[in-house]
Each structure stands twice: as structure tokens, then as C-alpha cells.
Amino acid sequence: MIGLLTLESPMSLDLYRELRASLATGEPRVLATVADTRGSTPRKAGAQMLLRPDGTFSGTIGGGCGEAEVWQEAMETMADGQPRTVLVDLTEPVDGDDKICGGVMRVFVERIG
């Protein structure tokens, strides 16, 4: 088991396969895992997104501006190798966007490989 990665769904299995292949070739990936949530959020603890060095990714932690915020931090982790926890606050509108969910997620971001 890596982080909270499980083999319960096809998406998780695809992420696991890609991660295993990247480890074999030595190409890094960044794994973003929803660590915990409070209130209404698009995904719950355990949801994952795997980022490639070119910025493309597999999986989802919920989409929208929250996922974009985590993507930005994940690219920083890809560059510097430093794990981080990203607090995604979906309770307040930002720049006129309506954040429908109204909850908060903590997402752990780590480079693997």
C-alpha cells in the first residue's frame, strides 16, 4: 500500500499500475491524496490524483478550483521534492466563483520516485 492507495476500484488499480511502471523506469510521479475532509466535499478521504512531470494526471480529488489549487502545489512538489499538505477551503467564493460544496479538504502531496 502506498499512501491510501487501495485496489478497490478500477481507477485505483490504474493509478497503482502507472505508479509501479514509473518506479521501474525511474520517472517521478506526485501522488495527491485527500487525507481528511470536513463538511460537504466533492471527494472523501482516500481519493487520489497522480501527476506526471509534464503536468498531466490520472484520477481526481474533486475537480474545479480546488483540484487546480492542489495541482499547482503538486507541480511544486515535483520540482522540489518536498511533501506538503494543501488545505482546500470550499466554503468561500473566490474571484466570483461559487464554491458549491461548502466543506474543507486536507490533501497530502508527495513525490514518489
PDB file of N, CA and C in Angstrom:
ATOM      1  N   MET A   1       0.842  -1.181   0.000  1.00  0.00           N
ATOM      2  CA  MET A   1       0.000   0.000   0.000  1.00  0.00           C
ATOM      3  C   MET A   1       0.883   1.238   0.000  1.00  0.00           C
ATOM      4  N   ILE A   2       0.581   2.203  -0.839  1.00  0.00           N
ATOM      5  CA  ILE A   2       1.288   3.467  -0.906  1.00  0.00           C
ATOM      6  C   ILE A   2       0.286   4.539  -0.539  1.00  0.00           C
ATOM      7  N   GLY A   3       0.566   5.292   0.519  1.00  0.00           N
ATOM      8  CA  GLY A   3      -0.399   6.274   0.988  1.00  0.00           C
ATOM      9  C   GLY A   3      -1.694   5.561   1.327  1.00  0.00           C
ATOM     10  N   LEU A   4      -2.788   6.031   0.778  1.00  0.00           N
ATOM     11  CA  LEU A   4      -4.080   5.399   0.988  1.00  0.00           C
ATOM     12  C   LEU A   4      -4.534   4.667  -0.263  1.00  0.00           C
ATOM     13  N   LEU A   5      -3.600   4.366  -1.163  1.00  0.00           N
ATOM     14  CA  LEU A   5      -3.929   3.703  -2.419  1.00  0.00           C
ATOM     15  C   LEU A   5      -4.431   2.294  -2.146  1.00  0.00           C
ATOM     16  N   THR A   6      -5.624   1.996  -2.602  1.00  0.00           N
ATOM     17  CA  THR A   6      -6.182   0.661  -2.461  1.00  0.00           C
ATOM     18  C   THR A   6      -6.522   0.125  -3.833  1.00  0.00           C
ATOM     19  N   LEU A   7      -6.808  -1.127  -3.903  1.00  0.00           N
ATOM     20  CA  LEU A   7      -7.126  -1.746  -5.186  1.00  0.00           C
ATOM     21  C   LEU A   7      -8.620  -2.008  -5.320  1.00  0.00           C
ATOM     22  N   GLU A   8      -9.447  -1.197  -4.678  1.00  0.00           N
ATOM     23  CA  GLU A   8     -10.885  -1.438  -4.652  1.00  0.00           C
ATOM     24  C   GLU A   8     -11.607  -0.970  -5.903  1.00  0.00           C
ATOM     25  N   SER A   9     -11.058  -0.040  -6.649  1.00  0.00           N
ATOM     26  CA  SER A   9     -11.758   0.447  -7.835  1.00  0.00           C
ATOM     27  C   SER A   9     -10.826   0.405  -9.039  1.00  0.00           C
ATOM     28  N   PRO A  10     -11.375   0.343 -10.251  1.00  0.00           N
ATOM     29  CA  PRO A  10     -10.529   0.324 -11.442  1.00  0.00           C
ATOM     30  C   PRO A  10      -9.618   1.537 -11.529  1.00  0.00           C
ATOM     31  N   MET A  11     -10.104   2.718 -11.108  1.00  0.00           N
ATOM     32  CA  MET A  11      -9.266   3.897 -11.164  1.00  0.00           C
ATOM     33  C   MET A  11      -8.063   3.719 -10.248  1.00  0.00           C
ATOM     34  N   SER A  12      -8.258   3.216  -9.054  1.00  0.00           N
ATOM     35  CA  SER A  12      -7.148   2.993  -8.141  1.00  0.00           C
ATOM     36  C   SER A  12      -6.175   1.989  -8.724  1.00  0.00           C
ATOM     37  N   LEU A  13      -6.670   0.963  -9.375  1.00  0.00           N
ATOM     38  CA  LEU A  13      -5.801  -0.035  -9.985  1.00  0.00           C
ATOM     39  C   LEU A  13      -4.984   0.590 -11.108  1.00  0.00           C
ATOM     40  N   ASP A  14      -5.584   1.455 -11.905  1.00  0.00           N
ATOM     41  CA  ASP A  14      -4.855   2.154 -12.961  1.00  0.00           C
ATOM     42  C   ASP A  14      -3.758   3.039 -12.370  1.00  0.00           C
ATOM     43  N   LEU A  15      -4.073   3.745 -11.291  1.00  0.00           N
ATOM     44  CA  LEU A  15      -3.070   4.587 -10.640  1.00  0.00           C
ATOM     45  C   LEU A  15      -1.921   3.731 -10.121  1.00  0.00           C
ATOM     46  N   TYR A  16      -2.254   2.620  -9.509  1.00  0.00           N
ATOM     47  CA  TYR A  16      -1.236   1.715  -8.979  1.00  0.00           C
ATOM     48  C   TYR A  16      -0.339   1.205 -10.103  1.00  0.00           C
ATOM     49  N   ARG A  17      -0.920   0.802 -11.202  1.00  0.00           N
ATOM     50  CA  ARG A  17      -0.126   0.300 -12.331  1.00  0.00           C
ATOM     51  C   ARG A  17       0.806   1.374 -12.885  1.00  0.00           C
ATOM     52  N   GLU A  18       0.290   2.577 -13.032  1.00  0.00           N
ATOM     53  CA  GLU A  18       1.132   3.653 -13.542  1.00  0.00           C
ATOM     54  C   GLU A  18       2.256   3.979 -12.570  1.00  0.00           C
ATOM     55  N   LEU A  19       1.939   4.001 -11.302  1.00  0.00           N
ATOM     56  CA  LEU A  19       2.958   4.292 -10.295  1.00  0.00           C
ATOM     57  C   LEU A  19       4.041   3.216 -10.299  1.00  0.00           C
ATOM     58  N   ARG A  20       3.643   1.969 -10.376  1.00  0.00           N
ATOM     59  CA  ARG A  20       4.598   0.860 -10.416  1.00  0.00           C
ATOM     60  C   ARG A  20       5.495   0.976 -11.652  1.00  0.00           C
ATOM     61  N   ALA A  21       4.920   1.282 -12.805  1.00  0.00           N
ATOM     62  CA  ALA A  21       5.699   1.428 -14.037  1.00  0.00           C
ATOM     63  C   ALA A  21       6.671   2.600 -13.933  1.00  0.00           C
ATOM     64  N   SER A  22       6.239   3.702 -13.341  1.00  0.00           N
ATOM     65  CA  SER A  22       7.124   4.868 -13.224  1.00  0.00           C
ATOM     66  C   SER A  22       8.287   4.573 -12.275  1.00  0.00           C
ATOM     67  N   LEU A  23       8.041   3.806 -11.236  1.00  0.00           N
ATOM     68  CA  LEU A  23       9.125   3.416 -10.333  1.00  0.00           C
ATOM     69  C   LEU A  23      10.140   2.542 -11.052  1.00  0.00           C
ATOM     70  N   ALA A  24       9.661   1.660 -11.916  1.00  0.00           N
ATOM     71  CA  ALA A  24      10.545   0.768 -12.659  1.00  0.00           C
ATOM     72  C   ALA A  24      11.443   1.546 -13.630  1.00  0.00           C
ATOM     73  N   THR A  25      10.926   2.641 -14.192  1.00  0.00           N
ATOM     74  CA  THR A  25      11.702   3.419 -15.160  1.00  0.00           C
ATOM     75  C   THR A  25      12.453   4.587 -14.517  1.00  0.00           C
ATOM     76  N   GLY A  26      12.152   4.867 -13.257  1.00  0.00           N
ATOM     77  CA  GLY A  26      12.822   5.958 -12.561  1.00  0.00           C
ATOM     78  C   GLY A  26      12.233   7.330 -12.840  1.00  0.00           C
ATOM     79  N   GLU A  27      11.080   7.390 -13.491  1.00  0.00           N
ATOM     80  CA  GLU A  27      10.433   8.676 -13.754  1.00  0.00           C
ATOM     81  C   GLU A  27       9.529   9.023 -12.576  1.00  0.00           C
ATOM     82  N   PRO A  28       9.699  10.208 -11.983  1.00  0.00           N
ATOM     83  CA  PRO A  28       8.919  10.548 -10.791  1.00  0.00           C
ATOM     84  C   PRO A  28       7.441  10.790 -11.089  1.00  0.00           C
ATOM     85  N   ARG A  29       6.661  10.624 -10.065  1.00  0.00           N
ATOM     86  CA  ARG A  29       5.244  10.979 -10.069  1.00  0.00           C
ATOM     87  C   ARG A  29       4.970  11.703  -8.756  1.00  0.00           C
ATOM     88  N   VAL A  30       3.904  12.455  -8.727  1.00  0.00           N
ATOM     89  CA  VAL A  30       3.439  13.068  -7.488  1.00  0.00           C
ATOM     90  C   VAL A  30       2.055  12.522  -7.203  1.00  0.00           C
ATOM     91  N   LEU A  31       1.894  12.012  -5.991  1.00  0.00           N
ATOM     92  CA  LEU A  31       0.627  11.454  -5.557  1.00  0.00           C
ATOM     93  C   LEU A  31      -0.036  12.439  -4.606  1.00  0.00           C
ATOM     94  N   ALA A  32      -1.250  12.855  -4.940  1.00  0.00           N
ATOM     95  CA  ALA A  32      -2.044  13.738  -4.082  1.00  0.00           C
ATOM     96  C   ALA A  32      -3.197  12.912  -3.530  1.00  0.00           C
ATOM     97  N   THR A  33      -3.283  12.836  -2.202  1.00  0.00           N
ATOM     98  CA  THR A  33      -4.287  12.012  -1.535  1.00  0.00           C
ATOM     99  C   THR A  33      -5.107  12.870  -0.583  1.00  0.00           C
ATOM    100  N   VAL A  34      -6.423  12.819  -0.710  1.00  0.00           N
ATOM    101  CA  VAL A  34      -7.277  13.515   0.251  1.00  0.00           C
ATOM    102  C   VAL A  34      -7.095  12.820   1.594  1.00  0.00           C
ATOM    103  N   ALA A  35      -6.528  13.550   2.549  1.00  0.00           N
ATOM    104  CA  ALA A  35      -6.241  12.985   3.868  1.00  0.00           C
ATOM    105  C   ALA A  35      -7.471  13.002   4.772  1.00  0.00           C
ATOM    106  N   ASP A  36      -8.170  14.120   4.771  1.00  0.00           N
ATOM    107  CA  ASP A  36      -9.418  14.189   5.534  1.00  0.00           C
ATOM    108  C   ASP A  36     -10.281  15.324   5.006  1.00  0.00           C
ATOM    109  N   THR A  37     -11.536  15.254   5.381  1.00  0.00           N
ATOM    110  CA  THR A  37     -12.497  16.259   4.920  1.00  0.00           C
ATOM    111  C   THR A  37     -13.378  16.682   6.087  1.00  0.00           C
ATOM    112  N   ARG A  38     -13.954  17.858   5.919  1.00  0.00           N
ATOM    113  CA  ARG A  38     -14.927  18.362   6.892  1.00  0.00           C
ATOM    114  C   ARG A  38     -16.033  19.029   6.099  1.00  0.00           C
ATOM    115  N   GLY A  39     -17.252  18.712   6.394  1.00  0.00           N
ATOM    116  CA  GLY A  39     -18.369  19.281   5.651  1.00  0.00           C
ATOM    117  C   GLY A  39     -18.554  18.593   4.314  1.00  0.00           C
ATOM    118  N   SER A  40     -19.233  19.276   3.423  1.00  0.00           N
ATOM    119  CA  SER A  40     -19.534  18.723   2.105  1.00  0.00           C
ATOM    120  C   SER A  40     -18.372  18.980   1.154  1.00  0.00           C
ATOM    121  N   THR A  41     -17.791  17.899   0.611  1.00  0.00           N
ATOM    122  CA  THR A  41     -16.678  17.998  -0.326  1.00  0.00           C
ATOM    123  C   THR A  41     -16.940  17.081  -1.517  1.00  0.00           C
ATOM    124  N   PRO A  42     -16.336  17.377  -2.679  1.00  0.00           N
ATOM    125  CA  PRO A  42     -16.606  16.564  -3.862  1.00  0.00           C
ATOM    126  C   PRO A  42     -16.086  15.134  -3.756  1.00  0.00           C
ATOM    127  N   ARG A  43     -15.013  14.918  -3.010  1.00  0.00           N
ATOM    128  CA  ARG A  43     -14.460  13.580  -2.795  1.00  0.00           C
ATOM    129  C   ARG A  43     -14.134  13.445  -1.318  1.00  0.00           C
ATOM    130  N   LYS A  44     -14.050  12.224  -0.862  1.00  0.00           N
ATOM    131  CA  LYS A  44     -13.776  11.955   0.551  1.00  0.00           C
ATOM    132  C   LYS A  44     -12.346  11.455   0.737  1.00  0.00           C
ATOM    133  N   ALA A  45     -11.957  11.234   1.983  1.00  0.00           N
ATOM    134  CA  ALA A  45     -10.613  10.759   2.307  1.00  0.00           C
ATOM    135  C   ALA A  45     -10.288   9.509   1.498  1.00  0.00           C
ATOM    136  N   GLY A  46      -9.073   9.490   0.970  1.00  0.00           N
ATOM    137  CA  GLY A  46      -8.618   8.364   0.165  1.00  0.00           C
ATOM    138  C   GLY A  46      -8.641   8.629  -1.328  1.00  0.00           C
ATOM    139  N   ALA A  47      -9.388   9.631  -1.784  1.00  0.00           N
ATOM    140  CA  ALA A  47      -9.408   9.963  -3.211  1.00  0.00           C
ATOM    141  C   ALA A  47      -8.009  10.405  -3.621  1.00  0.00           C
ATOM    142  N   GLN A  48      -7.600  10.019  -4.840  1.00  0.00           N
ATOM    143  CA  GLN A  48      -6.234  10.291  -5.255  1.00  0.00           C
ATOM    144  C   GLN A  48      -6.124  10.795  -6.683  1.00  0.00           C
ATOM    145  N   MET A  49      -5.036  11.532  -6.899  1.00  0.00           N
ATOM    146  CA  MET A  49      -4.687  12.044  -8.208  1.00  0.00           C
ATOM    147  C   MET A  49      -3.179  11.838  -8.360  1.00  0.00           C
ATOM    148  N   LEU A  50      -2.765  11.286  -9.504  1.00  0.00           N
ATOM    149  CA  LEU A  50      -1.354  11.015  -9.767  1.00  0.00           C
ATOM    150  C   LEU A  50      -0.891  11.923 -10.897  1.00  0.00           C
ATOM    151  N   LEU A  51       0.113  12.761 -10.609  1.00  0.00           N
ATOM    152  CA  LEU A  51       0.610  13.726 -11.592  1.00  0.00           C
ATOM    153  C   LEU A  51       1.919  13.272 -12.210  1.00  0.00           C
ATOM    154  N   ARG A  52       2.043  13.574 -13.506  1.00  0.00           N
ATOM    155  CA  ARG A  52       3.252  13.261 -14.274  1.00  0.00           C
ATOM    156  C   ARG A  52       4.109  14.524 -14.389  1.00  0.00           C
ATOM    157  N   PRO A  53       5.395  14.360 -14.733  1.00  0.00           N
ATOM    158  CA  PRO A  53       6.269  15.538 -14.838  1.00  0.00           C
ATOM    159  C   PRO A  53       5.771  16.600 -15.819  1.00  0.00           C
ATOM    160  N   ASP A  54       5.026  16.200 -16.857  1.00  0.00           N
ATOM    161  CA  ASP A  54       4.519  17.183 -17.832  1.00  0.00           C
ATOM    162  C   ASP A  54       3.242  17.885 -17.380  1.00  0.00           C
ATOM    163  N   GLY A  55       2.756  17.557 -16.184  1.00  0.00           N
ATOM    164  CA  GLY A  55       1.568  18.210 -15.640  1.00  0.00           C
ATOM    165  C   GLY A  55       0.264  17.495 -15.904  1.00  0.00           C
ATOM    166  N   THR A  56       0.277  16.480 -16.764  1.00  0.00           N
ATOM    167  CA  THR A  56      -0.932  15.691 -16.963  1.00  0.00           C
ATOM    168  C   THR A  56      -1.141  14.801 -15.749  1.00  0.00           C
ATOM    169  N   PHE A  57      -2.347  14.294 -15.585  1.00  0.00           N
ATOM    170  CA  PHE A  57      -2.619  13.495 -14.393  1.00  0.00           C
ATOM    171  C   PHE A  57      -3.691  12.453 -14.647  1.00  0.00           C
ATOM    172  N   SER A  58      -3.747  11.509 -13.724  1.00  0.00           N
ATOM    173  CA  SER A  58      -4.797  10.479 -13.691  1.00  0.00           C
ATOM    174  C   SER A  58      -5.502  10.595 -12.354  1.00  0.00           C
ATOM    175  N   GLY A  59      -6.760  10.205 -12.334  1.00  0.00           N
ATOM    176  CA  GLY A  59      -7.519  10.265 -11.086  1.00  0.00           C
ATOM    177  C   GLY A  59      -8.028  11.665 -10.833  1.00  0.00           C
ATOM    178  N   THR A  60      -8.744  11.809  -9.732  1.00  0.00           N
ATOM    179  CA  THR A  60      -9.300  13.122  -9.384  1.00  0.00           C
ATOM    180  C   THR A  60      -9.488  13.215  -7.878  1.00  0.00           C
ATOM    181  N   ILE A  61      -9.345  14.424  -7.384  1.00  0.00           N
ATOM    182  CA  ILE A  61      -9.676  14.682  -5.989  1.00  0.00           C
ATOM    183  C   ILE A  61     -10.888  15.595  -5.897  1.00  0.00           C
ATOM    184  N   GLY A  62     -11.565  15.813  -7.033  1.00  0.00           N
ATOM    185  CA  GLY A  62     -12.812  16.559  -6.986  1.00  0.00           C
ATOM    186  C   GLY A  62     -13.036  17.550  -8.104  1.00  0.00           C
ATOM    187  N   GLY A  63     -12.007  17.887  -8.855  1.00  0.00           N
ATOM    188  CA  GLY A  63     -12.188  18.809  -9.962  1.00  0.00           C
ATOM    189  C   GLY A  63     -12.276  20.258  -9.519  1.00  0.00           C
ATOM    190  N   GLY A  64     -12.474  21.116 -10.482  1.00  0.00           N
ATOM    191  CA  GLY A  64     -12.686  22.541 -10.226  1.00  0.00           C
ATOM    192  C   GLY A  64     -11.484  23.260  -9.654  1.00  0.00           C
ATOM    193  N   CYS A  65     -11.764  24.388  -9.001  1.00  0.00           N
ATOM    194  CA  CYS A  65     -10.687  25.234  -8.500  1.00  0.00           C
ATOM    195  C   CYS A  65      -9.914  24.580  -7.368  1.00  0.00           C
ATOM    196  N   GLY A  66     -10.555  23.728  -6.581  1.00  0.00           N
ATOM    197  CA  GLY A  66      -9.845  23.021  -5.511  1.00  0.00           C
ATOM    198  C   GLY A  66      -8.793  22.088  -6.069  1.00  0.00           C
ATOM    199  N   GLU A  67      -9.153  21.342  -7.118  1.00  0.00           N
ATOM    200  CA  GLU A  67      -8.190  20.442  -7.739  1.00  0.00           C
ATOM    201  C   GLU A  67      -7.076  21.236  -8.416  1.00  0.00           C
ATOM    202  N   ALA A  68      -7.403  22.371  -9.001  1.00  0.00           N
ATOM    203  CA  ALA A  68      -6.388  23.222  -9.636  1.00  0.00           C
ATOM    204  C   ALA A  68      -5.389  23.735  -8.598  1.00  0.00           C
ATOM    205  N   GLU A  69      -5.871  24.074  -7.426  1.00  0.00           N
ATOM    206  CA  GLU A  69      -5.000  24.538  -6.345  1.00  0.00           C
ATOM    207  C   GLU A  69      -4.029  23.422  -5.933  1.00  0.00           C
ATOM    208  N   VAL A  70      -4.542  22.212  -5.810  1.00  0.00           N
ATOM    209  CA  VAL A  70      -3.691  21.068  -5.447  1.00  0.00           C
ATOM    210  C   VAL A  70      -2.721  20.758  -6.582  1.00  0.00           C
ATOM    211  N   TRP A  71      -3.176  20.847  -7.829  1.00  0.00           N
ATOM    212  CA  TRP A  71      -2.299  20.613  -8.979  1.00  0.00           C
ATOM    213  C   TRP A  71      -1.095  21.557  -8.928  1.00  0.00           C
ATOM    214  N   GLN A  72      -1.348  22.828  -8.644  1.00  0.00           N
ATOM    215  CA  GLN A  72      -0.270  23.821  -8.570  1.00  0.00           C
ATOM    216  C   GLN A  72       0.754  23.427  -7.509  1.00  0.00           C
ATOM    217  N   GLU A  73       0.281  23.048  -6.335  1.00  0.00           N
ATOM    218  CA  GLU A  73       1.183  22.630  -5.258  1.00  0.00           C
ATOM    219  C   GLU A  73       1.897  21.330  -5.615  1.00  0.00           C
ATOM    220  N   ALA A  74       1.209  20.432  -6.305  1.00  0.00           N
ATOM    221  CA  ALA A  74       1.814  19.166  -6.722  1.00  0.00           C
ATOM    222  C   ALA A  74       2.955  19.400  -7.704  1.00  0.00           C
ATOM    223  N   MET A  75       2.815  20.382  -8.579  1.00  0.00           N
ATOM    224  CA  MET A  75       3.892  20.699  -9.511  1.00  0.00           C
ATOM    225  C   MET A  75       5.099  21.274  -8.766  1.00  0.00           C
ATOM    226  N   GLU A  76       4.846  22.011  -7.690  1.00  0.00           N
ATOM    227  CA  GLU A  76       5.940  22.482  -6.832  1.00  0.00           C
ATOM    228  C   GLU A  76       6.653  21.292  -6.186  1.00  0.00           C
ATOM    229  N   THR A  77       5.877  20.324  -5.730  1.00  0.00           N
ATOM    230  CA  THR A  77       6.459  19.117  -5.137  1.00  0.00           C
ATOM    231  C   THR A  77       7.258  18.340  -6.181  1.00  0.00           C
ATOM    232  N   MET A  78       6.772  18.297  -7.403  1.00  0.00           N
ATOM    233  CA  MET A  78       7.516  17.633  -8.474  1.00  0.00           C
ATOM    234  C   MET A  78       8.881  18.295  -8.631  1.00  0.00           C
ATOM    235  N   ALA A  79       8.912  19.622  -8.549  1.00  0.00           N
ATOM    236  CA  ALA A  79      10.151  20.367  -8.755  1.00  0.00           C
ATOM    237  C   ALA A  79      11.112  20.277  -7.571  1.00  0.00           C
ATOM    238  N   ASP A  80      10.585  20.405  -6.358  1.00  0.00           N
ATOM    239  CA  ASP A  80      11.493  20.478  -5.203  1.00  0.00           C
ATOM    240  C   ASP A  80      11.549  19.216  -4.348  1.00  0.00           C
ATOM    241  N   GLY A  81      10.650  18.261  -4.603  1.00  0.00           N
ATOM    242  CA  GLY A  81      10.667  17.006  -3.862  1.00  0.00           C
ATOM    243  C   GLY A  81      10.118  17.074  -2.449  1.00  0.00           C
ATOM    244  N   GLN A  82       9.645  18.243  -2.044  1.00  0.00           N
ATOM    245  CA  GLN A  82       9.165  18.419  -0.680  1.00  0.00           C
ATOM    246  C   GLN A  82       7.691  18.050  -0.553  1.00  0.00           C
ATOM    247  N   PRO A  83       7.363  17.120   0.350  1.00  0.00           N
ATOM    248  CA  PRO A  83       5.945  16.824   0.573  1.00  0.00           C
ATOM    249  C   PRO A  83       5.267  18.027   1.216  1.00  0.00           C
ATOM    250  N   ARG A  84       3.982  18.137   1.011  1.00  0.00           N
ATOM    251  CA  ARG A  84       3.233  19.238   1.606  1.00  0.00           C
ATOM    252  C   ARG A  84       1.785  18.813   1.811  1.00  0.00           C
ATOM    253  N   THR A  85       1.132  19.530   2.675  1.00  0.00           N
ATOM    254  CA  THR A  85      -0.299  19.354   2.888  1.00  0.00           C
ATOM    255  C   THR A  85      -0.985  20.620   2.395  1.00  0.00           C
ATOM    256  N   VAL A  86      -1.983  20.430   1.544  1.00  0.00           N
ATOM    257  CA  VAL A  86      -2.702  21.562   0.962  1.00  0.00           C
ATOM    258  C   VAL A  86      -4.092  21.623   1.594  1.00  0.00           C
ATOM    259  N   LEU A  87      -4.438  22.758   2.141  1.00  0.00           N
ATOM    260  CA  LEU A  87      -5.767  22.970   2.692  1.00  0.00           C
ATOM    261  C   LEU A  87      -6.639  23.575   1.600  1.00  0.00           C
ATOM    262  N   VAL A  88      -7.672  22.850   1.198  1.00  0.00           N
ATOM    263  CA  VAL A  88      -8.580  23.312   0.150  1.00  0.00           C
ATOM    264  C   VAL A  88      -9.887  23.721   0.832  1.00  0.00           C
ATOM    265  N   ASP A  89     -10.120  25.022   0.867  1.00  0.00           N
ATOM    266  CA  ASP A  89     -11.302  25.575   1.527  1.00  0.00           C
ATOM    267  C   ASP A  89     -12.368  25.870   0.477  1.00  0.00           C
ATOM    268  N   LEU A  90     -13.425  25.096   0.500  1.00  0.00           N
ATOM    269  CA  LEU A  90     -14.511  25.238  -0.478  1.00  0.00           C
ATOM    270  C   LEU A  90     -15.721  25.956   0.129  1.00  0.00           C
ATOM    271  N   THR A  91     -15.460  26.763   1.163  1.00  0.00           N
ATOM    272  CA  THR A  91     -16.566  27.427   1.855  1.00  0.00           C
ATOM    273  C   THR A  91     -16.808  28.851   1.405  1.00  0.00           C
ATOM    274  N   GLU A  92     -15.804  29.488   0.823  1.00  0.00           N
ATOM    275  CA  GLU A  92     -15.935  30.898   0.451  1.00  0.00           C
ATOM    276  C   GLU A  92     -15.730  31.073  -1.044  1.00  0.00           C
ATOM    277  N   PRO A  93     -16.560  31.866  -1.705  1.00  0.00           N
ATOM    278  CA  PRO A  93     -16.341  32.164  -3.119  1.00  0.00           C
ATOM    279  C   PRO A  93     -15.041  32.947  -3.307  1.00  0.00           C
ATOM    280  N   VAL A  94     -14.326  32.656  -4.393  1.00  0.00           N
ATOM    281  CA  VAL A  94     -13.083  33.351  -4.703  1.00  0.00           C
ATOM    282  C   VAL A  94     -13.204  33.919  -6.111  1.00  0.00           C
ATOM    283  N   ASP A  95     -12.922  35.195  -6.264  1.00  0.00           N
ATOM    284  CA  ASP A  95     -12.972  35.850  -7.576  1.00  0.00           C
ATOM    285  C   ASP A  95     -14.286  35.593  -8.312  1.00  0.00           C
ATOM    286  N   GLY A  96     -15.381  35.614  -7.582  1.00  0.00           N
ATOM    287  CA  GLY A  96     -16.686  35.449  -8.200  1.00  0.00           C
ATOM    288  C   GLY A  96     -17.105  34.015  -8.440  1.00  0.00           C
ATOM    289  N   ASP A  97     -16.208  33.046  -8.185  1.00  0.00           N
ATOM    290  CA  ASP A  97     -16.574  31.637  -8.359  1.00  0.00           C
ATOM    291  C   ASP A  97     -17.411  31.174  -7.188  1.00  0.00           C
ATOM    292  N   ASP A  98     -18.442  30.425  -7.471  1.00  0.00           N
ATOM    293  CA  ASP A  98     -19.271  29.856  -6.419  1.00  0.00           C
ATOM    294  C   ASP A  98     -18.749  28.467  -6.091  1.00  0.00           C
ATOM    295  N   LYS A  99     -18.214  28.315  -4.907  1.00  0.00           N
ATOM    296  CA  LYS A  99     -17.718  27.009  -4.468  1.00  0.00           C
ATOM    297  C   LYS A  99     -18.895  26.275  -3.852  1.00  0.00           C
ATOM    298  N   ILE A 100     -19.519  25.442  -4.644  1.00  0.00           N
ATOM    299  CA  ILE A 100     -20.782  24.816  -4.310  1.00  0.00           C
ATOM    300  C   ILE A 100     -20.721  23.920  -3.075  1.00  0.00           C
ATOM    301  N   CYS A 101     -19.635  23.189  -2.890  1.00  0.00           N
ATOM    302  CA  CYS A 101     -19.582  22.144  -1.872  1.00  0.00           C
ATOM    303  C   CYS A 101     -19.717  22.669  -0.444  1.00  0.00           C
ATOM    304  N   GLY A 102     -18.923  23.653  -0.080  1.00  0.00           N
ATOM    305  CA  GLY A 102     -19.040  24.248   1.243  1.00  0.00           C
ATOM    306  C   GLY A 102     -18.227  23.576   2.326  1.00  0.00           C
ATOM    307  N   GLY A 103     -17.324  22.654   1.998  1.00  0.00           N
ATOM    308  CA  GLY A 103     -16.516  21.976   3.005  1.00  0.00           C
ATOM    309  C   GLY A 103     -15.039  22.307   2.865  1.00  0.00           C
ATOM    310  N   VAL A 104     -14.225  21.538   3.583  1.00  0.00           N
ATOM    311  CA  VAL A 104     -12.782  21.727   3.598  1.00  0.00           C
ATOM    312  C   VAL A 104     -12.116  20.360   3.436  1.00  0.00           C
ATOM    313  N   MET A 105     -11.057  20.311   2.603  1.00  0.00           N
ATOM    314  CA  MET A 105     -10.281  19.084   2.433  1.00  0.00           C
ATOM    315  C   MET A 105      -8.818  19.380   2.754  1.00  0.00           C
ATOM    316  N   ARG A 106      -8.161  18.422   3.389  1.00  0.00           N
ATOM    317  CA  ARG A 106      -6.710  18.459   3.516  1.00  0.00           C
ATOM    318  C   ARG A 106      -6.171  17.401   2.585  1.00  0.00           C
ATOM    319  N   VAL A 107      -5.227  17.797   1.721  1.00  0.00           N
ATOM    320  CA  VAL A 107      -4.682  16.897   0.702  1.00  0.00           C
ATOM    321  C   VAL A 107      -3.182  16.776   0.904  1.00  0.00           C
ATOM    322  N   PHE A 108      -2.708  15.547   1.095  1.00  0.00           N
ATOM    323  CA  PHE A 108      -1.280  15.289   1.268  1.00  0.00           C
ATOM    324  C   PHE A 108      -0.682  15.038  -0.111  1.00  0.00           C
ATOM    325  N   VAL A 109       0.414  15.749  -0.405  1.00  0.00           N
ATOM    326  CA  VAL A 109       1.060  15.700  -1.713  1.00  0.00           C
ATOM    327  C   VAL A 109       2.499  15.221  -1.511  1.00  0.00           C
ATOM    328  N   GLU A 110       2.889  14.157  -2.249  1.00  0.00           N
ATOM    329  CA  GLU A 110       4.246  13.615  -2.091  1.00  0.00           C
ATOM    330  C   GLU A 110       4.797  13.144  -3.431  1.00  0.00           C
ATOM    331  N   ARG A 111       6.093  13.373  -3.634  1.00  0.00           N
ATOM    332  CA  ARG A 111       6.759  12.886  -4.831  1.00  0.00           C
ATOM    333  C   ARG A 111       7.220  11.454  -4.581  1.00  0.00           C
ATOM    334  N   ILE A 112       6.999  10.611  -5.565  1.00  0.00           N
ATOM    335  CA  ILE A 112       7.405   9.211  -5.477  1.00  0.00           C
ATOM    336  C   ILE A 112       8.305   8.924  -6.662  1.00  0.00           C
ATOM    337  N   GLY A 113       9.488   8.451  -6.390  1.00  0.00           N
ATOM    338  CA  GLY A 113      10.444   8.106  -7.439  1.00  0.00           C
ATOM    339  C   GLY A 113      11.432   9.201  -7.698  1.00  0.00           C
TER     340      GLY A 113
END
